[in-house]
Amino acid sequence: MKDELFSDKRSAIGDFDFGRETALVFDDMLLRSVPHYAETQRMITELSIDFAQPGTRVFDLGCSTATTFVGLDPHLPKDVAFVGVDSSPDMLKKAEEKLAQAHVSRPYELRCGVLEEVVVEDASVVILNLTLQFVRPIQRPEVIRRIAKGVVEGGCLILVEKILSPNSRLNRLFIDHYYDFKRRNGYSELEISQKREALENVLVPFHGEENRNLLLANGFSYCEEFMRWYNFCGLVALK
């Protein structure tokens, strides 16, 4: 279903949420709103294959509609279990439907919960794809510590986030190019501005170096960038 959530002018813009209306159009929203989303998913799959260990679990924290699991399923041993966590019951309903349609037969579990309370156990791969940015900054170190505690030796955390540039001029240019990307994908000026306002109080990006330091200071031994597009960045951190 096409994303038209913000196509009509609203008298007041509330905070962005991941409820039923968003869940219905979320796959289209990601493809049209996240630069190189399909390629990033492919890279996440490749890295997950590299690090997934037999008999362990792959966690997707903020799994939304389970696109990552559907893409990853054919490539992993059947004794690697999936655990998806999301705060939206509507997203998890869509996820369950997609996993069934894809005939995913490995052990999997979908949990409704928030990242601030997540429990990770026996994970060789943990994925945070555009989700940590919705956690209050003061709570992010504890979230990463809890994740690192549940990652086995030799495992990894894959983090993809919108980021800020420390340079104000480049930051403005990167954001301008991002909005150009959204225009090329059919979003109107009204849609762009209303969604920006809806996200203003709920999505708080870090500088790229802040994310790197966050991972290294809270349980991971090495961190490297694997993807960058203007104000989007992917990091892989090793345990």
Protein backbone atom coordinates (compact mmCIF):
# COMPACT_ATOMS: atom_id res chain seq x y z
CA MET A 1 0.00 0.00 0.00
CA LYS A 2 1.32 3.45 -0.93
CA ASP A 3 2.45 5.77 1.85
CA GLU A 4 0.12 8.78 1.86
CA LEU A 5 0.03 9.33 5.63
CA PHE A 6 0.98 12.99 5.39
CA SER A 7 -0.54 13.85 2.00
CA ASP A 8 -3.48 15.81 3.46
CA LYS A 9 -2.88 19.06 5.31
CA ARG A 10 -3.32 18.66 9.07
CA SER A 11 -4.38 21.41 11.44
CA ALA A 12 -2.04 20.02 14.09
CA ILE A 13 0.87 17.62 13.75
CA GLY A 14 1.23 15.06 16.52
CA ASP A 15 4.27 12.92 17.22
CA PHE A 16 5.00 10.21 14.68
CA ASP A 17 3.75 6.79 15.76
CA PHE A 18 4.04 3.22 14.51
CA GLY A 19 0.39 2.27 14.84
CA ARG A 20 -2.04 0.63 12.42
CA GLU A 21 -2.01 3.31 9.70
CA THR A 22 1.78 3.39 9.63
CA ALA A 23 2.07 -0.41 9.64
CA LEU A 24 -0.16 -0.68 6.56
CA VAL A 25 2.17 1.51 4.46
CA PHE A 26 5.47 0.98 6.25
CA ASP A 27 7.19 -1.14 3.61
CA ASP A 28 6.49 1.48 0.94
CA MET A 29 7.54 4.25 3.33
CA LEU A 30 10.93 2.64 3.91
CA LEU A 31 11.63 2.07 0.22
CA ARG A 32 10.75 5.68 -0.65
CA SER A 33 12.12 7.39 2.47
CA VAL A 34 15.36 5.55 3.22
CA PRO A 35 18.15 5.92 0.64
CA HIS A 36 19.35 2.58 -0.76
CA TYR A 37 17.07 0.72 1.62
CA ALA A 38 17.08 -2.49 -0.43
CA GLU A 39 20.88 -2.43 -0.72
CA THR A 40 21.24 -1.78 3.00
CA GLN A 41 19.00 -4.77 3.69
CA ARG A 42 21.21 -6.87 1.41
CA MET A 43 24.32 -5.73 3.31
CA ILE A 44 22.67 -6.50 6.65
CA THR A 45 21.89 -9.98 5.32
CA GLU A 46 25.48 -10.53 4.19
CA LEU A 47 26.93 -9.39 7.50
CA SER A 48 24.42 -11.48 9.44
CA ILE A 49 25.46 -14.55 7.45
CA ASP A 50 29.10 -13.76 8.27
CA PHE A 51 28.50 -13.62 12.02
CA ALA A 52 25.55 -15.92 12.75
CA GLN A 53 26.69 -18.96 14.74
CA PRO A 54 24.93 -22.34 14.82
CA GLY A 55 22.60 -22.78 17.78
CA THR A 56 22.40 -19.04 18.53
CA ARG A 57 19.83 -16.34 17.84
CA VAL A 58 19.53 -13.36 15.53
CA PHE A 59 17.72 -10.46 17.17
CA ASP A 60 16.08 -7.67 15.17
CA LEU A 61 15.25 -4.88 17.61
CA GLY A 62 12.57 -2.76 16.01
CA CYS A 63 11.78 -5.52 13.53
CA SER A 64 8.67 -3.75 12.16
CA THR A 65 7.20 -6.00 9.43
CA ALA A 66 10.04 -8.60 9.49
CA THR A 67 11.52 -7.69 6.11
CA THR A 68 15.01 -8.48 7.41
CA PHE A 69 14.06 -11.95 8.65
CA VAL A 70 12.30 -12.82 5.39
CA GLY A 71 15.41 -11.89 3.42
CA LEU A 72 17.79 -13.64 5.81
CA ASP A 73 15.88 -16.89 6.33
CA PRO A 74 17.05 -18.81 3.21
CA HIS A 75 20.71 -18.23 4.03
CA LEU A 76 21.13 -19.42 7.62
CA PRO A 77 21.27 -22.88 9.23
CA LYS A 78 17.89 -23.95 10.57
CA ASP A 79 19.20 -24.09 14.16
CA VAL A 80 19.65 -20.30 14.17
CA ALA A 81 16.51 -18.82 15.72
CA PHE A 82 14.98 -15.41 15.02
CA VAL A 83 13.78 -13.03 17.73
CA GLY A 84 11.99 -9.89 16.59
CA VAL A 85 11.11 -7.13 19.04
CA ASP A 86 8.86 -4.18 18.28
CA SER A 87 6.76 -1.79 20.35
CA SER A 88 3.89 -1.83 17.86
CA PRO A 89 1.39 -4.72 17.92
CA ASP A 90 0.25 -3.64 14.45
CA MET A 91 3.77 -4.01 13.07
CA LEU A 92 4.09 -7.43 14.68
CA LYS A 93 0.80 -8.53 13.13
CA LYS A 94 2.17 -7.62 9.69
CA ALA A 95 5.43 -9.37 10.57
CA GLU A 96 3.61 -12.57 11.46
CA GLU A 97 1.73 -12.47 8.17
CA LYS A 98 4.92 -11.94 6.14
CA LEU A 99 6.78 -14.73 7.90
CA ALA A 100 3.89 -17.10 7.22
CA GLN A 101 3.68 -16.05 3.57
CA ALA A 102 7.43 -16.63 3.21
CA HIS A 103 7.07 -20.09 4.80
CA VAL A 104 9.71 -19.35 7.44
CA SER A 105 9.96 -22.66 9.29
CA ARG A 106 12.89 -22.02 11.63
CA PRO A 107 12.18 -21.26 15.30
CA TYR A 108 11.17 -17.62 15.67
CA GLU A 109 9.59 -15.41 18.28
CA LEU A 110 7.98 -11.99 17.95
CA ARG A 111 7.95 -9.96 21.15
CA CYS A 112 6.05 -6.75 21.84
CA GLY A 113 8.26 -4.46 23.90
CA VAL A 114 10.40 -1.35 23.97
CA LEU A 115 14.16 -1.19 23.44
CA GLU A 116 14.66 0.32 26.88
CA GLU A 117 13.52 -2.97 28.45
CA VAL A 118 14.78 -5.47 25.88
CA VAL A 119 16.48 -8.66 27.04
CA VAL A 120 18.95 -10.23 24.63
CA GLU A 121 20.17 -13.79 25.16
CA ASP A 122 22.50 -16.09 23.17
CA ALA A 123 22.67 -13.71 20.22
CA SER A 124 25.37 -13.93 17.59
CA VAL A 125 23.79 -11.06 15.61
CA VAL A 126 21.74 -8.11 16.85
CA ILE A 127 20.25 -5.70 14.32
CA LEU A 128 19.20 -2.12 15.09
CA ASN A 129 18.04 -0.78 11.74
CA LEU A 130 16.86 2.82 12.15
CA THR A 131 15.51 2.16 15.64
CA LEU A 132 18.03 3.33 18.26
CA GLN A 133 17.40 6.91 17.13
CA PHE A 134 13.92 6.67 18.68
CA VAL A 135 15.35 5.92 22.15
CA ARG A 136 15.98 8.91 24.41
CA PRO A 137 19.71 9.73 24.26
CA ILE A 138 20.17 9.38 28.02
CA GLN A 139 18.90 5.79 27.82
CA ARG A 140 20.99 4.63 24.85
CA PRO A 141 24.13 3.60 26.78
CA GLU A 142 22.11 1.21 28.95
CA VAL A 143 20.34 -0.21 25.90
CA ILE A 144 23.69 -0.95 24.26
CA ARG A 145 25.10 -2.44 27.47
CA ARG A 146 22.12 -4.78 27.75
CA ILE A 147 22.55 -5.83 24.13
CA ALA A 148 26.30 -6.41 24.46
CA LYS A 149 25.72 -8.54 27.54
CA GLY A 150 23.55 -10.89 25.50
CA VAL A 151 25.87 -11.19 22.49
CA VAL A 152 28.13 -14.23 22.39
CA GLU A 153 31.87 -13.91 21.80
CA GLY A 154 32.54 -13.42 18.12
CA GLY A 155 29.07 -11.96 17.56
CA CYS A 156 28.17 -8.53 16.29
CA LEU A 157 25.77 -5.60 16.46
CA ILE A 158 24.63 -4.02 13.19
CA LEU A 159 23.48 -0.42 13.66
CA VAL A 160 21.96 1.75 10.93
CA GLU A 161 20.98 5.32 11.84
CA LYS A 162 20.27 8.77 10.53
CA ILE A 163 23.15 10.93 11.73
CA LEU A 164 24.20 14.54 12.04
CA SER A 165 27.38 16.08 10.69
CA PRO A 166 29.47 18.14 13.16
CA ASN A 167 29.87 20.69 10.36
CA SER A 168 26.74 22.84 10.12
CA ARG A 169 27.14 23.60 6.42
CA LEU A 170 27.57 19.96 5.45
CA ASN A 171 24.74 18.98 7.78
CA ARG A 172 22.38 21.36 5.97
CA LEU A 173 23.55 20.17 2.55
CA PHE A 174 23.13 16.51 3.48
CA ILE A 175 19.59 17.15 4.71
CA ASP A 176 18.76 19.11 1.56
CA HIS A 177 19.97 16.23 -0.61
CA TYR A 178 17.91 13.84 1.49
CA TYR A 179 14.76 15.86 0.87
CA ASP A 180 15.62 15.89 -2.85
CA PHE A 181 15.73 12.10 -2.65
CA LYS A 182 12.23 12.05 -1.15
CA ARG A 183 10.94 14.40 -3.86
CA ARG A 184 12.35 12.09 -6.54
CA ASN A 185 10.36 9.28 -4.92
CA GLY A 186 7.08 11.15 -5.21
CA TYR A 187 6.71 12.89 -1.85
CA SER A 188 5.23 16.41 -1.98
CA GLU A 189 6.53 19.43 -0.09
CA LEU A 190 3.55 19.11 2.25
CA GLU A 191 4.31 15.45 2.99
CA ILE A 192 7.98 16.18 3.62
CA SER A 193 7.32 19.12 5.94
CA GLN A 194 4.52 17.45 7.93
CA LYS A 195 6.48 14.25 8.45
CA ARG A 196 9.55 16.26 9.49
CA GLU A 197 7.44 18.02 12.11
CA ALA A 198 5.95 14.73 13.32
CA LEU A 199 9.43 13.24 13.78
CA GLU A 200 10.99 16.30 15.39
CA ASN A 201 10.41 15.27 19.00
CA VAL A 202 10.73 11.50 18.63
CA LEU A 203 13.74 10.93 16.33
CA VAL A 204 16.95 12.31 17.85
CA PRO A 205 20.02 11.56 15.71
CA PHE A 206 23.59 11.48 17.02
CA HIS A 207 26.75 12.54 15.24
CA GLY A 208 28.43 9.58 13.58
CA GLU A 209 31.32 9.60 16.04
CA GLU A 210 28.88 9.65 18.96
CA ASN A 211 27.36 6.38 17.77
CA ARG A 212 30.79 4.83 17.36
CA ASN A 213 31.85 5.91 20.85
CA LEU A 214 28.53 4.69 22.27
CA LEU A 215 29.21 1.17 21.01
CA LEU A 216 32.87 1.06 22.06
CA ALA A 217 32.15 2.38 25.55
CA ASN A 218 29.37 -0.10 26.28
CA GLY A 219 30.57 -3.61 25.56
CA PHE A 220 31.88 -3.81 22.01
CA SER A 221 35.58 -4.09 21.17
CA TYR A 222 35.72 -2.80 17.60
CA CYS A 223 33.45 -0.76 15.34
CA GLU A 224 33.61 0.09 11.66
CA GLU A 225 31.43 1.90 9.15
CA PHE A 226 30.08 -0.35 6.39
CA MET A 227 27.66 2.04 4.70
CA ARG A 228 27.29 5.82 4.30
CA TRP A 229 24.90 7.97 2.31
CA TYR A 230 24.95 11.64 3.31
CA ASN A 231 23.10 11.61 6.66
CA PHE A 232 22.59 7.82 6.87
CA CYS A 233 25.25 5.52 8.27
CA GLY A 234 25.68 1.81 8.99
CA LEU A 235 28.08 0.49 11.65
CA VAL A 236 29.09 -3.04 12.53
CA ALA A 237 30.43 -3.56 16.07
CA LEU A 238 32.22 -6.70 17.20
CA LYS A 239 31.97 -8.46 20.58
